[in-house]
Amino acid sequence: MNSFTSLRALRIGLFFLAVLPMSASLGNDFVLWDDPAYITENKFIQSFSFENLQRFALELHMGNWHPLTWFSHAVDVAVFGLNPMGHHLTNLLLHGLNAILVFIVFQLLWRSAKGEDLSLSETLACFSASLLFAIHPLRVESVVWASERKDVLCALFSLLCYGLYLSYAQEENRRARQQYYWASWGCLALALMSKPMAATAPLVLLLWDVYPLNRWNRVDARRLIVEKIPFIALIAGATVLALVAQKGAGAMLSVERLGWDERIMNAVHSGFFYLQKTLVPLGLSALYPFAEERVFWSAWFLGPALFFILLVGGGVWLWRGTLRSPALLAVVLYYAITLAPVAGVIQVGTQAAADRYTYLPTLGFYLLAAWLAWRGIESISEKHRRWVCLLALVTLYTVLAALTHRQTLVWADTASLWQNTARLYPDNLGRVHFTLAKIHDDAGRWREAEQGFLNAIRIDPKDIPARNRLGLLYSKLKRWEEAEAAFRSVLAIRVDAKTLNNLGLLYLQKGDFQAAEDRYKEALQAEPGMMEARANLGYLYMKQGKLDSAEEQLRLALQADPENAGIQRLWKLLQIDKADPLPNP
């Protein structure tokens, strides 16, 4: 199919069909999961000052180094402000462009394997594979979560890198080859500045050198490896920055919390889990908990391990057997290579798996499925072939688009997001119940808030924030004994300055000034820099008429946090009291 007009029409159609199922995200709000730190409360992106541009390039923030991602968020803030619709629109547009790039890469890969231009039916097979990839419910997290800008942006430049490299490998003109090569290298640099997941690109390109480009037989192997050195140099620097950033942010789980054997088992299981969700995209969640029983002899691990052994074995058999086709093996290797950074061997975060990790790694399976479908359809009579293809594609599009639309609405706001996760995993993920309880608490739904905090504590008895918030809720409801019990349950786990401060507030509300003073002092002893406790101690002294002691505490608090409006207000009240002191009660 060589008609430029027809190809352009397919690409434009693909763009709109790809973004349509997720267009409801334009009405979604930001969610209280990374969005505040990345966007709404991120001072980095509020202006294009020279200082901020320097910080984009030089500072590590949120456990990442991705200056291009920060720049894109800053552009959105400059254009749309903090209106979530604009930020979601940018993600949608990037995803639509990615769908077109996937189509182009699929065509280049198919053409490389075939050795000649594609027929109309082959081009349509690539189109169908690209469309189904783009509208799959697993794409929702990467696209409709505003903070995952890094994912779609990294994918954009990774796909450009892939496409330009494939063009370089097939180009005969030396000058054009050099242009393609360095353009591919530049796109990899931009991908790495968006998200470090692009670090596997040199291995992907080397894999494609073997198949489908077949360069391993035509070009000296050493030359192919040397050719990747500029790419590897980029990867080395980006990998070091990524590891330093994640470790500095405390995002990497220690081996004590998750052993090496558990990491390897979870990596195997999550690889199987993503393929399972690709085939049956139901029960998708923002968070997936680790399995409670993580042992080698469990079905949880042995089933996926056996599946991959058979899959690799089947790929080798098809390559070495009568078909002489390494396609399946190449797809499996591409999947393993691109999934490796997020497989969990180096565990970042507390999730066992994440939908966003499937954005590029599952690409090969869509192309393989399209190729198998194309081979099968070729056996159907030409009279019925067109209608069979159209019916199959429309049916798949309708089903996947409906599921994707429904999943998009799950991300409508914070409450909807975590209610879905709590429904799927009611006995896991205490942090989800805790977040929902905070939402209920802030909205004045006390009964639901209490139940949420209790659920979080039931799942994780050492959940100190949940116990603290439960105590504050009971204090608000004047259930003094239950509030004190909640706070003291924290202190039975460990000494916590925030809890001691909360106990001080409780005793102050009850009128037990001496107990309140003791708790505030204990909080400051545990954490001398806790200005909230110092300000509360100053306020307590004001209520007791100990104005000099109050002034001492509030002055120290102001010196540490001069912009704190609450402390400033107490200081002004203190000066009024000192000018016209009331008698001690």
Protein backbone atom coordinates (compact mmCIF):
# COMPACT_ATOMS: atom_id res chain seq x y z
CA MET A 1 0.00 0.00 0.00
CA ASN A 2 1.89 3.03 -1.25
CA SER A 3 -0.84 5.66 -1.50
CA PHE A 4 0.24 8.55 0.71
CA THR A 5 -3.33 9.87 0.85
CA SER A 6 -4.68 6.52 2.04
CA LEU A 7 -1.97 6.20 4.67
CA ARG A 8 -2.61 9.72 5.90
CA ALA A 9 -6.33 8.96 6.18
CA LEU A 10 -5.56 5.81 8.18
CA ARG A 11 -3.28 7.74 10.53
CA ILE A 12 -5.79 10.53 11.11
CA GLY A 13 -8.54 7.99 11.69
CA LEU A 14 -6.31 6.06 14.07
CA PHE A 15 -5.61 9.22 16.08
CA PHE A 16 -9.28 10.00 16.68
CA LEU A 17 -10.32 6.39 17.25
CA ALA A 18 -7.47 6.03 19.79
CA VAL A 19 -8.40 9.05 21.92
CA LEU A 20 -12.19 8.70 21.73
CA PRO A 21 -12.65 6.01 24.45
CA MET A 22 -10.60 8.08 26.93
CA SER A 23 -12.06 11.47 26.01
CA ALA A 24 -14.18 11.37 29.19
CA SER A 25 -10.95 12.12 31.06
CA LEU A 26 -11.38 15.75 29.98
CA GLY A 27 -14.00 15.97 32.74
CA ASN A 28 -11.83 14.24 35.33
CA ASP A 29 -10.30 16.03 38.30
CA PHE A 30 -6.75 15.73 39.56
CA VAL A 31 -6.32 12.87 42.03
CA LEU A 32 -4.57 13.00 45.39
CA TRP A 33 -1.93 10.55 44.27
CA ASP A 34 1.22 12.24 42.96
CA ASP A 35 -0.82 14.95 41.21
CA PRO A 36 -0.27 17.49 44.03
CA ALA A 37 3.49 16.87 44.11
CA TYR A 38 3.81 16.77 40.33
CA ILE A 39 1.39 19.54 39.37
CA THR A 40 -0.93 21.40 41.73
CA GLU A 41 1.58 22.03 44.55
CA ASN A 42 4.77 21.85 42.50
CA LYS A 43 6.54 25.21 42.62
CA PHE A 44 8.99 24.00 39.93
CA ILE A 45 6.40 24.33 37.19
CA GLN A 46 4.61 27.55 38.13
CA SER A 47 6.80 29.71 35.88
CA PHE A 48 9.55 29.55 33.26
CA SER A 49 12.04 31.47 35.38
CA PHE A 50 15.72 30.80 34.80
CA GLU A 51 15.92 29.33 38.31
CA ASN A 52 13.12 26.86 37.56
CA LEU A 53 14.65 25.85 34.24
CA GLN A 54 17.89 25.12 36.10
CA ARG A 55 15.98 23.05 38.63
CA PHE A 56 14.34 21.04 35.83
CA ALA A 57 17.78 20.06 34.58
CA LEU A 58 19.76 19.73 37.80
CA GLU A 59 17.48 18.68 40.64
CA LEU A 60 15.98 15.31 41.54
CA HIS A 61 12.33 15.59 42.50
CA MET A 62 9.76 12.91 43.42
CA GLY A 63 12.43 10.23 43.10
CA ASN A 64 13.08 11.02 39.44
CA TRP A 65 15.25 12.99 37.06
CA HIS A 66 13.02 13.86 34.12
CA PRO A 67 13.50 17.50 33.06
CA LEU A 68 11.44 17.15 29.88
CA THR A 69 8.46 15.94 31.89
CA TRP A 70 8.73 18.96 34.20
CA PHE A 71 9.00 21.23 31.17
CA SER A 72 5.83 19.76 29.64
CA HIS A 73 3.92 20.24 32.90
CA ALA A 74 5.19 23.83 33.07
CA VAL A 75 3.89 24.46 29.53
CA ASP A 76 0.48 23.14 30.59
CA VAL A 77 0.42 25.41 33.65
CA ALA A 78 1.38 28.39 31.48
CA VAL A 79 -1.41 27.62 28.98
CA PHE A 80 -4.17 26.08 31.13
CA GLY A 81 -3.26 27.07 34.67
CA LEU A 82 -4.37 24.39 37.12
CA ASN A 83 -7.48 23.46 35.15
CA PRO A 84 -7.25 19.64 35.03
CA MET A 85 -8.95 19.50 31.62
CA GLY A 86 -5.93 21.05 29.91
CA HIS A 87 -3.49 18.63 31.51
CA HIS A 88 -5.65 15.65 30.56
CA LEU A 89 -5.98 17.03 27.02
CA THR A 90 -2.20 17.06 26.58
CA ASN A 91 -1.95 13.44 27.70
CA LEU A 92 -4.71 12.48 25.25
CA LEU A 93 -2.98 14.24 22.35
CA LEU A 94 0.32 12.54 23.16
CA HIS A 95 -1.41 9.16 23.29
CA GLY A 96 -3.03 9.80 19.90
CA LEU A 97 0.39 10.61 18.43
CA ASN A 98 1.80 7.47 20.02
CA ALA A 99 -0.88 5.39 18.32
CA ILE A 100 0.25 6.76 14.95
CA LEU A 101 3.91 6.06 15.78
CA VAL A 102 3.05 2.50 16.82
CA PHE A 103 1.37 2.06 13.43
CA ILE A 104 4.50 3.31 11.64
CA VAL A 105 6.84 1.12 13.72
CA PHE A 106 4.62 -1.92 13.10
CA GLN A 107 4.78 -1.25 9.35
CA LEU A 108 8.57 -0.93 9.44
CA LEU A 109 8.97 -4.15 11.44
CA TRP A 110 6.60 -6.09 9.16
CA ARG A 111 8.35 -4.73 6.07
CA SER A 112 11.74 -5.71 7.50
CA ALA A 113 10.57 -9.26 8.17
CA LYS A 114 8.95 -9.55 4.74
CA GLY A 115 11.74 -7.89 2.76
CA GLU A 116 9.38 -5.90 0.53
CA ASP A 117 6.57 -3.34 0.66
CA LEU A 118 3.37 -4.25 2.45
CA SER A 119 0.14 -5.15 0.72
CA LEU A 120 -3.14 -3.43 1.56
CA SER A 121 -4.21 -6.30 3.83
CA GLU A 122 -0.87 -6.25 5.67
CA THR A 123 -1.10 -2.49 6.18
CA LEU A 124 -4.61 -2.87 7.55
CA ALA A 125 -3.37 -5.61 9.88
CA CYS A 126 -0.78 -3.16 11.27
CA PHE A 127 -3.51 -0.52 11.59
CA SER A 128 -5.75 -2.93 13.51
CA ALA A 129 -2.94 -3.94 15.87
CA SER A 130 -2.11 -0.28 16.56
CA LEU A 131 -5.75 0.57 17.20
CA LEU A 132 -6.33 -2.31 19.63
CA PHE A 133 -3.12 -1.40 21.48
CA ALA A 134 -4.23 2.23 21.77
CA ILE A 135 -7.76 1.60 23.09
CA HIS A 136 -6.94 -1.24 25.46
CA PRO A 137 -8.05 -0.58 29.08
CA LEU A 138 -4.48 -1.14 30.29
CA ARG A 139 -3.56 2.16 28.58
CA VAL A 140 -5.94 4.15 30.79
CA GLU A 141 -3.61 4.64 33.76
CA SER A 142 -0.81 6.02 31.58
CA VAL A 143 -3.12 8.42 29.74
CA VAL A 144 -5.79 9.69 32.17
CA TRP A 145 -3.57 10.01 35.25
CA ALA A 146 -2.16 13.50 34.84
CA SER A 147 1.03 12.64 36.74
CA GLU A 148 1.82 9.87 34.26
CA ARG A 149 2.71 12.45 31.62
CA LYS A 150 6.18 10.95 31.88
CA ASP A 151 4.88 7.63 30.54
CA VAL A 152 3.23 8.90 27.34
CA LEU A 153 6.05 11.40 26.76
CA CYS A 154 8.73 8.73 27.17
CA ALA A 155 6.76 6.43 24.86
CA LEU A 156 6.55 9.17 22.22
CA PHE A 157 10.31 9.61 22.00
CA SER A 158 11.02 5.89 22.43
CA LEU A 159 8.79 5.12 19.44
CA LEU A 160 10.50 7.86 17.44
CA CYS A 161 13.85 6.34 18.41
CA TYR A 162 12.67 2.91 17.25
CA GLY A 163 11.22 4.16 13.98
CA LEU A 164 14.26 6.24 13.08
CA TYR A 165 16.60 3.34 13.86
CA LEU A 166 14.58 0.96 11.68
CA SER A 167 14.75 3.55 8.89
CA TYR A 168 18.51 3.89 9.44
CA ALA A 169 19.01 0.14 9.20
CA GLN A 170 17.08 -0.07 5.92
CA GLU A 171 18.42 3.11 4.29
CA GLU A 172 21.13 2.77 1.65
CA ASN A 173 22.08 6.43 1.24
CA ARG A 174 25.01 7.10 3.58
CA ARG A 175 24.10 10.69 4.41
CA ALA A 176 20.49 9.79 5.13
CA ARG A 177 21.66 6.88 7.28
CA GLN A 178 23.75 9.19 9.44
CA GLN A 179 20.82 11.56 9.84
CA TYR A 180 18.50 8.73 10.89
CA TYR A 181 21.10 7.34 13.30
CA TRP A 182 21.76 10.57 15.18
CA ALA A 183 18.09 11.53 15.14
CA SER A 184 17.36 8.16 16.77
CA TRP A 185 20.07 8.83 19.35
CA GLY A 186 18.62 12.28 20.07
CA CYS A 187 15.12 10.87 20.54
CA LEU A 188 16.48 8.34 23.02
CA ALA A 189 18.04 11.21 24.99
CA LEU A 190 14.65 12.96 25.06
CA ALA A 191 12.93 9.72 26.10
CA LEU A 192 15.35 9.33 29.00
CA MET A 193 14.70 12.94 30.02
CA SER A 194 11.02 11.99 30.23
CA LYS A 195 11.30 8.70 32.13
CA PRO A 196 14.19 6.25 32.68
CA MET A 197 12.14 3.30 31.39
CA ALA A 198 13.67 3.93 27.95
CA ALA A 199 16.95 2.53 29.29
CA THR A 200 16.43 -0.80 27.51
CA ALA A 201 16.47 0.76 24.01
CA PRO A 202 19.98 -0.45 22.98
CA LEU A 203 19.03 -4.06 23.76
CA VAL A 204 15.79 -3.66 21.80
CA LEU A 205 17.68 -2.30 18.80
CA LEU A 206 20.22 -5.13 19.02
CA LEU A 207 17.37 -7.65 19.17
CA TRP A 208 15.83 -6.13 16.06
CA ASP A 209 19.22 -6.25 14.35
CA VAL A 210 18.93 -10.03 14.66
CA TYR A 211 15.23 -10.14 13.75
CA PRO A 212 13.52 -8.79 11.73
CA LEU A 213 16.34 -6.67 10.26
CA ASN A 214 18.59 -9.71 9.78
CA ARG A 215 21.66 -7.46 10.10
CA TRP A 216 23.49 -9.96 12.32
CA ASN A 217 24.16 -12.08 9.24
CA ARG A 218 24.89 -9.16 6.90
CA VAL A 219 27.00 -6.97 9.18
CA ASP A 220 29.90 -7.83 11.46
CA ALA A 221 28.54 -8.47 14.97
CA ARG A 222 31.26 -6.33 16.56
CA ARG A 223 30.23 -3.39 14.41
CA LEU A 224 26.61 -3.74 15.53
CA ILE A 225 27.69 -3.59 19.17
CA VAL A 226 30.06 -0.66 18.60
CA GLU A 227 27.20 1.09 16.83
CA LYS A 228 25.24 1.02 20.11
CA ILE A 229 27.97 2.62 22.23
CA PRO A 230 26.58 6.20 21.93
CA PHE A 231 23.18 4.83 23.01
CA ILE A 232 24.73 2.88 25.89
CA ALA A 233 26.56 6.01 27.08
CA LEU A 234 23.22 7.80 27.40
CA ILE A 235 21.74 4.85 29.26
CA ALA A 236 24.63 4.65 31.73
CA GLY A 237 24.23 8.25 32.83
CA ALA A 238 20.43 8.07 33.02
CA THR A 239 20.51 4.81 34.99
CA VAL A 240 22.86 6.23 37.63
CA LEU A 241 20.67 9.32 37.99
CA ALA A 242 17.52 7.19 38.26
CA LEU A 243 18.97 4.93 40.96
CA VAL A 244 20.30 7.89 42.96
CA ALA A 245 16.95 9.69 42.68
CA GLN A 246 14.84 6.70 43.71
CA LYS A 247 17.10 5.81 46.61
CA GLY A 248 17.26 9.42 47.76
CA ALA A 249 13.47 9.63 47.77
CA GLY A 250 13.20 6.43 49.80
CA ALA A 251 11.18 4.79 47.03
CA MET A 252 13.34 1.66 46.77
CA LEU A 253 12.28 -1.16 49.07
CA SER A 254 15.07 -2.69 51.13
CA VAL A 255 15.96 -6.36 50.83
CA GLU A 256 14.81 -6.77 54.43
CA ARG A 257 11.27 -5.71 53.46
CA LEU A 258 11.22 -7.74 50.23
CA GLY A 259 13.87 -10.43 49.74
CA TRP A 260 15.62 -11.23 46.46
CA ASP A 261 13.74 -14.51 46.09
CA GLU A 262 10.41 -12.71 46.54
CA ARG A 263 11.41 -10.07 43.99
CA ILE A 264 12.29 -12.67 41.36
CA MET A 265 9.08 -14.60 41.97
CA ASN A 266 6.99 -11.44 41.78
CA ALA A 267 8.76 -10.41 38.56
CA VAL A 268 7.78 -13.72 36.95
CA HIS A 269 4.23 -13.50 38.25
CA SER A 270 3.73 -9.87 37.22
CA GLY A 271 4.95 -10.68 33.71
CA PHE A 272 2.25 -13.33 33.47
CA PHE A 273 -0.29 -11.05 35.17
CA TYR A 274 0.12 -8.36 32.47
CA LEU A 275 -0.51 -10.87 29.67
CA GLN A 276 -3.53 -12.18 31.55
CA LYS A 277 -4.94 -8.65 31.87
CA THR A 278 -4.17 -7.99 28.20
CA LEU A 279 -6.37 -10.94 27.23
CA VAL A 280 -9.06 -10.29 29.87
CA PRO A 281 -8.89 -6.62 30.95
CA LEU A 282 -11.22 -6.88 33.94
CA GLY A 283 -10.59 -5.99 37.58
CA LEU A 284 -8.05 -3.28 36.78
CA SER A 285 -6.81 -1.31 39.77
CA ALA A 286 -4.57 1.64 40.55
CA LEU A 287 -2.71 -0.59 43.03
CA TYR A 288 -2.16 -4.34 43.14
CA PRO A 289 -1.05 -5.91 46.45
CA PHE A 290 1.69 -8.48 46.83
CA ALA A 291 0.49 -12.04 47.29
CA GLU A 292 0.45 -13.11 50.93
CA GLU A 293 2.09 -16.47 50.17
CA ARG A 294 5.25 -15.86 48.14
CA VAL A 295 7.03 -19.23 47.95
CA PHE A 296 8.60 -21.14 45.07
CA TRP A 297 6.30 -24.15 45.35
CA SER A 298 3.05 -22.15 45.22
CA ALA A 299 0.81 -22.10 42.15
CA TRP A 300 1.15 -18.31 42.25
CA PHE A 301 4.76 -18.69 41.05
CA LEU A 302 4.96 -22.14 39.44
CA GLY A 303 2.06 -21.50 37.03
CA PRO A 304 3.57 -18.35 35.46
CA ALA A 305 7.07 -19.88 35.50
CA LEU A 306 5.85 -22.95 33.59
CA PHE A 307 3.95 -20.71 31.16
CA PHE A 308 7.08 -18.72 30.27
CA ILE A 309 9.18 -21.88 29.95
CA LEU A 310 6.65 -23.25 27.45
CA LEU A 311 6.41 -19.89 25.67
CA VAL A 312 10.18 -19.60 25.23
CA GLY A 313 10.41 -23.28 24.30
CA GLY A 314 7.68 -22.80 21.71
CA GLY A 315 9.51 -19.78 20.32
CA VAL A 316 12.75 -21.74 19.97
CA TRP A 317 10.91 -24.67 18.35
CA LEU A 318 9.23 -22.38 15.80
CA TRP A 319 12.61 -20.80 15.04
CA ARG A 320 14.54 -24.04 14.70
CA GLY A 321 11.67 -26.15 13.33
CA THR A 322 10.10 -26.32 9.91
CA LEU A 323 8.63 -22.79 10.06
CA ARG A 324 12.06 -21.20 10.67
CA SER A 325 10.30 -18.18 12.17
CA PRO A 326 11.84 -16.42 15.19
CA ALA A 327 8.85 -14.06 15.47
CA LEU A 328 7.42 -15.51 18.71
CA LEU A 329 10.84 -15.70 20.36
CA ALA A 330 11.59 -12.10 19.32
CA VAL A 331 8.28 -10.90 20.79
CA VAL A 332 8.92 -12.70 24.09
CA LEU A 333 12.46 -11.32 24.31
CA TYR A 334 11.26 -7.79 23.54
CA TYR A 335 8.65 -8.16 26.30
CA ALA A 336 11.24 -9.37 28.81
CA ILE A 337 13.77 -6.66 27.89
CA THR A 338 11.38 -3.71 28.02
CA LEU A 339 9.63 -4.93 31.18
CA ALA A 340 12.90 -5.55 33.05
CA PRO A 341 13.30 -2.03 34.56
CA VAL A 342 9.89 -2.29 36.28
CA ALA A 343 9.70 -6.04 36.87
CA GLY A 344 10.53 -5.50 40.53
CA VAL A 345 14.01 -6.99 40.90
CA ILE A 346 14.98 -3.45 41.90
CA GLN A 347 11.69 -2.76 43.66
CA VAL A 348 10.47 0.84 43.52
CA GLY A 349 7.28 1.51 45.46
CA THR A 350 5.02 -0.93 47.26
CA GLN A 351 2.93 -2.14 44.31
CA ALA A 352 3.25 -5.70 43.01
CA ALA A 353 2.31 -4.58 39.49
CA ALA A 354 0.98 -1.50 37.68
CA ASP A 355 -1.07 -1.05 34.51
CA ARG A 356 1.22 1.78 33.34
CA TYR A 357 4.15 -0.65 33.04
CA THR A 358 2.48 -2.34 30.05
CA TYR A 359 2.44 0.69 27.74
CA LEU A 360 5.37 -0.29 25.49
CA PRO A 361 6.34 -3.81 26.66
CA THR A 362 3.17 -5.47 25.32
CA LEU A 363 3.52 -3.96 21.82
CA GLY A 364 4.97 -7.10 20.28
CA PHE A 365 2.01 -9.26 21.22
CA TYR A 366 -0.39 -6.96 19.35
CA LEU A 367 1.71 -7.18 16.20
CA LEU A 368 2.08 -10.95 16.55
CA ALA A 369 -1.68 -11.34 17.03
CA ALA A 370 -2.31 -9.20 13.94
CA TRP A 371 0.11 -11.31 11.89
CA LEU A 372 -1.55 -14.56 13.03
CA ALA A 373 -5.00 -13.12 12.28
CA TRP A 374 -3.81 -11.99 8.85
CA ARG A 375 -2.48 -15.48 8.12
CA GLY A 376 -5.79 -16.99 9.20
CA ILE A 377 -7.89 -14.55 7.21
CA GLU A 378 -5.91 -15.30 4.05
CA SER A 379 -7.52 -18.75 4.08
CA ILE A 380 -11.03 -17.24 3.95
CA SER A 381 -12.58 -16.72 0.55
CA GLU A 382 -12.06 -13.24 -0.84
CA LYS A 383 -15.83 -12.75 -1.07
CA HIS A 384 -16.27 -12.95 2.72
CA ARG A 385 -12.85 -11.79 3.89
CA ARG A 386 -13.61 -8.06 4.03
CA TRP A 387 -16.81 -8.51 6.04
CA VAL A 388 -15.21 -10.97 8.47
CA CYS A 389 -12.35 -8.53 9.12
CA LEU A 390 -14.68 -5.56 9.52
CA LEU A 391 -17.01 -7.40 11.88
CA ALA A 392 -14.12 -8.69 14.01
CA LEU A 393 -12.47 -5.27 14.26
CA VAL A 394 -15.72 -3.41 15.04
CA THR A 395 -16.62 -5.98 17.70
CA LEU A 396 -13.21 -5.79 19.37
CA TYR A 397 -13.19 -2.00 19.18
CA THR A 398 -16.66 -1.73 20.71
CA VAL A 399 -15.89 -4.08 23.60
CA LEU A 400 -12.48 -2.61 24.41
CA ALA A 401 -13.67 0.98 23.99
CA ALA A 402 -16.55 0.37 26.42
CA LEU A 403 -14.21 -1.15 29.00
CA THR A 404 -11.72 1.67 28.51
CA HIS A 405 -14.42 4.32 28.92
CA ARG A 406 -15.55 2.66 32.15
CA GLN A 407 -11.97 2.52 33.45
CA THR A 408 -11.48 6.19 32.53
CA LEU A 409 -14.39 7.11 34.80
CA VAL A 410 -12.73 5.19 37.65
CA TRP A 411 -10.08 7.94 37.54
CA ALA A 412 -12.69 10.72 37.72
CA ASP A 413 -11.53 11.80 41.20
CA THR A 414 -9.68 10.52 44.24
CA ALA A 415 -12.71 8.96 45.91
CA SER A 416 -13.75 7.06 42.79
CA LEU A 417 -10.20 5.82 42.22
CA TRP A 418 -9.69 4.38 45.69
CA GLN A 419 -13.25 3.08 46.04
CA ASN A 420 -12.57 0.90 43.01
CA THR A 421 -9.34 -0.41 44.55
CA ALA A 422 -10.97 -1.01 47.95
CA ARG A 423 -13.79 -2.91 46.24
CA LEU A 424 -11.31 -5.18 44.44
CA TYR A 425 -8.98 -5.68 47.42
CA PRO A 426 -11.03 -5.14 50.61
CA ASP A 427 -8.57 -7.04 52.80
CA ASN A 428 -5.35 -5.59 51.40
CA LEU A 429 -3.81 -2.19 50.82
CA GLY A 430 -4.52 -0.41 54.08
CA ARG A 431 -3.30 2.87 52.59
CA VAL A 432 -6.30 2.82 50.23
CA HIS A 433 -8.76 2.55 53.13
CA PHE A 434 -6.78 5.27 54.94
CA THR A 435 -7.02 7.65 51.96
CA LEU A 436 -10.75 7.03 51.58
CA ALA A 437 -11.23 7.59 55.31
CA LYS A 438 -9.44 10.95 55.07
CA ILE A 439 -11.78 11.96 52.23
CA HIS A 440 -14.81 11.00 54.34
CA ASP A 441 -13.36 12.80 57.36
CA ASP A 442 -12.79 16.02 55.41
CA ALA A 443 -16.35 15.81 54.05
CA GLY A 444 -17.86 15.34 57.52
CA ARG A 445 -18.93 11.74 56.98
CA TRP A 446 -17.76 10.62 60.43
CA ARG A 447 -19.13 7.07 60.44
CA GLU A 448 -17.56 6.21 57.07
CA ALA A 449 -14.31 7.85 58.15
CA GLU A 450 -14.18 5.85 61.38
CA GLN A 451 -14.79 2.59 59.52
CA GLY A 452 -12.10 3.44 56.98
CA PHE A 453 -9.46 4.15 59.63
CA LEU A 454 -10.41 0.95 61.46
CA ASN A 455 -10.08 -1.03 58.20
CA ALA A 456 -6.63 0.43 57.60
CA ILE A 457 -5.56 -0.55 61.13
CA ARG A 458 -7.05 -4.03 60.73
CA ILE A 459 -4.97 -4.60 57.57
CA ASP A 460 -1.83 -3.05 59.05
CA PRO A 461 -1.87 -2.92 62.87
CA LYS A 462 1.28 -0.74 62.80
CA ASP A 463 -0.32 1.94 60.61
CA ILE A 464 0.58 4.96 62.74
CA PRO A 465 -1.02 7.65 60.50
CA ALA A 466 -4.33 5.76 60.58
CA ARG A 467 -4.24 5.47 64.38
CA ASN A 468 -3.42 9.17 64.66
CA ARG A 469 -6.24 10.24 62.35
CA LEU A 470 -8.65 7.96 64.21
CA GLY A 471 -7.65 9.65 67.46
CA LEU A 472 -8.18 13.09 65.92
CA LEU A 473 -11.59 12.01 64.65
CA TYR A 474 -12.62 10.82 68.12
CA SER A 475 -11.33 14.11 69.58
CA LYS A 476 -13.45 16.02 67.08
CA LEU A 477 -16.48 13.98 68.18
CA LYS A 478 -15.54 14.51 71.88
CA ARG A 479 -15.15 10.78 72.40
CA TRP A 480 -12.24 11.49 74.73
CA GLU A 481 -11.49 8.01 76.06
CA GLU A 482 -11.45 6.44 72.58
CA ALA A 483 -9.27 9.28 71.29
CA GLU A 484 -6.75 8.82 74.11
CA ALA A 485 -6.72 5.05 73.54
CA ALA A 486 -6.01 5.58 69.82
CA PHE A 487 -3.10 7.92 70.52
CA ARG A 488 -1.64 5.69 73.23
CA SER A 489 -1.83 2.70 70.87
CA VAL A 490 0.65 4.57 68.65
CA LEU A 491 3.01 5.22 71.56
CA ALA A 492 2.88 1.50 72.38
CA ILE A 493 4.40 0.91 68.93
CA ARG A 494 7.00 3.70 69.06
CA VAL A 495 7.57 7.20 70.41
CA ASP A 496 6.02 9.57 67.87
CA ALA A 497 6.23 13.35 68.21
CA LYS A 498 3.08 13.97 66.18
CA THR A 499 1.09 11.63 68.41
CA LEU A 500 2.41 13.27 71.56
CA ASN A 501 1.38 16.64 70.14
CA ASN A 502 -2.08 15.26 69.37
CA LEU A 503 -2.36 13.97 72.93
CA GLY A 504 -1.45 17.45 74.14
CA LEU A 505 -4.28 18.91 72.06
CA LEU A 506 -6.65 16.31 73.51
CA TYR A 507 -5.74 17.20 77.10
CA LEU A 508 -6.02 20.91 76.27
CA GLN A 509 -9.57 20.35 74.99
CA LYS A 510 -10.38 18.44 78.19
CA GLY A 511 -8.94 21.28 80.30
CA ASP A 512 -6.05 19.22 81.74
CA PHE A 513 -3.36 21.87 81.19
CA GLN A 514 -0.57 20.10 83.07
CA ALA A 515 -0.97 16.88 81.06
CA ALA A 516 -1.10 18.94 77.85
CA GLU A 517 2.13 20.77 78.78
CA ASP A 518 3.88 17.48 79.57
CA ARG A 519 2.89 15.97 76.20
CA TYR A 520 4.02 19.03 74.24
CA LYS A 521 7.40 18.96 75.98
CA GLU A 522 7.74 15.24 75.29
CA ALA A 523 6.94 15.90 71.61
CA LEU A 524 9.68 18.54 71.46
CA GLN A 525 12.10 16.21 73.20
CA ALA A 526 11.36 13.53 70.57
CA GLU A 527 11.53 16.03 67.68
CA PRO A 528 13.07 19.40 68.65
CA GLY A 529 12.22 20.92 65.28
CA MET A 530 8.49 20.28 65.56
CA MET A 531 7.22 23.86 65.46
CA GLU A 532 3.58 22.79 65.68
CA ALA A 533 4.17 21.42 69.18
CA ARG A 534 6.15 24.53 70.16
CA ALA A 535 3.37 26.83 68.92
CA ASN A 536 0.79 24.76 70.80
CA LEU A 537 2.89 25.02 73.95
CA GLY A 538 3.02 28.79 73.47
CA TYR A 539 -0.76 28.90 73.09
CA LEU A 540 -1.17 26.82 76.26
CA TYR A 541 0.98 29.30 78.19
CA MET A 542 -1.14 32.15 76.80
CA LYS A 543 -4.31 30.49 78.12
CA GLN A 544 -2.63 30.14 81.52
CA GLY A 545 -1.51 33.77 81.50
CA LYS A 546 2.19 32.80 81.38
CA LEU A 547 2.89 35.44 78.76
CA ASP A 548 6.69 35.50 79.04
CA SER A 549 6.90 31.73 78.59
CA ALA A 550 4.43 31.97 75.71
CA GLU A 551 6.55 34.67 74.06
CA GLU A 552 9.68 32.52 74.35
CA GLN A 553 8.03 29.54 72.66
CA LEU A 554 6.32 31.53 69.92
CA ARG A 555 9.50 33.47 69.12
CA LEU A 556 11.36 30.18 68.60
CA ALA A 557 8.51 28.90 66.44
CA LEU A 558 8.51 32.06 64.31
CA GLN A 559 12.28 31.95 63.87
CA ALA A 560 11.99 28.42 62.50
CA ASP A 561 8.90 29.08 60.35
CA PRO A 562 8.45 32.84 59.80
CA GLU A 563 5.83 32.39 57.05
CA ASN A 564 3.47 30.27 59.17
CA ALA A 565 0.16 32.19 59.30
CA GLY A 566 -1.08 30.35 62.39
CA ILE A 567 2.02 31.18 64.43
CA GLN A 568 1.89 34.80 63.21
CA ARG A 569 -1.73 35.05 64.39
CA LEU A 570 -0.82 33.69 67.85
CA TRP A 571 2.07 36.16 68.06
CA LYS A 572 -0.26 39.10 67.34
CA LEU A 573 -2.74 37.87 69.96
CA LEU A 574 0.12 37.53 72.45
CA GLN A 575 1.20 41.14 71.86
CA ILE A 576 -2.38 42.30 72.46
CA ASP A 577 -2.50 40.28 75.70
CA LYS A 578 0.84 41.72 76.84
CA ALA A 579 -0.38 45.25 76.18
CA ASP A 580 -3.53 44.66 78.24
CA PRO A 581 -2.93 41.51 80.29
CA LEU A 582 -5.89 39.77 81.83
CA PRO A 583 -5.62 38.32 85.34
CA ASN A 584 -4.64 34.68 85.67
CA PRO A 585 -7.66 32.38 85.89
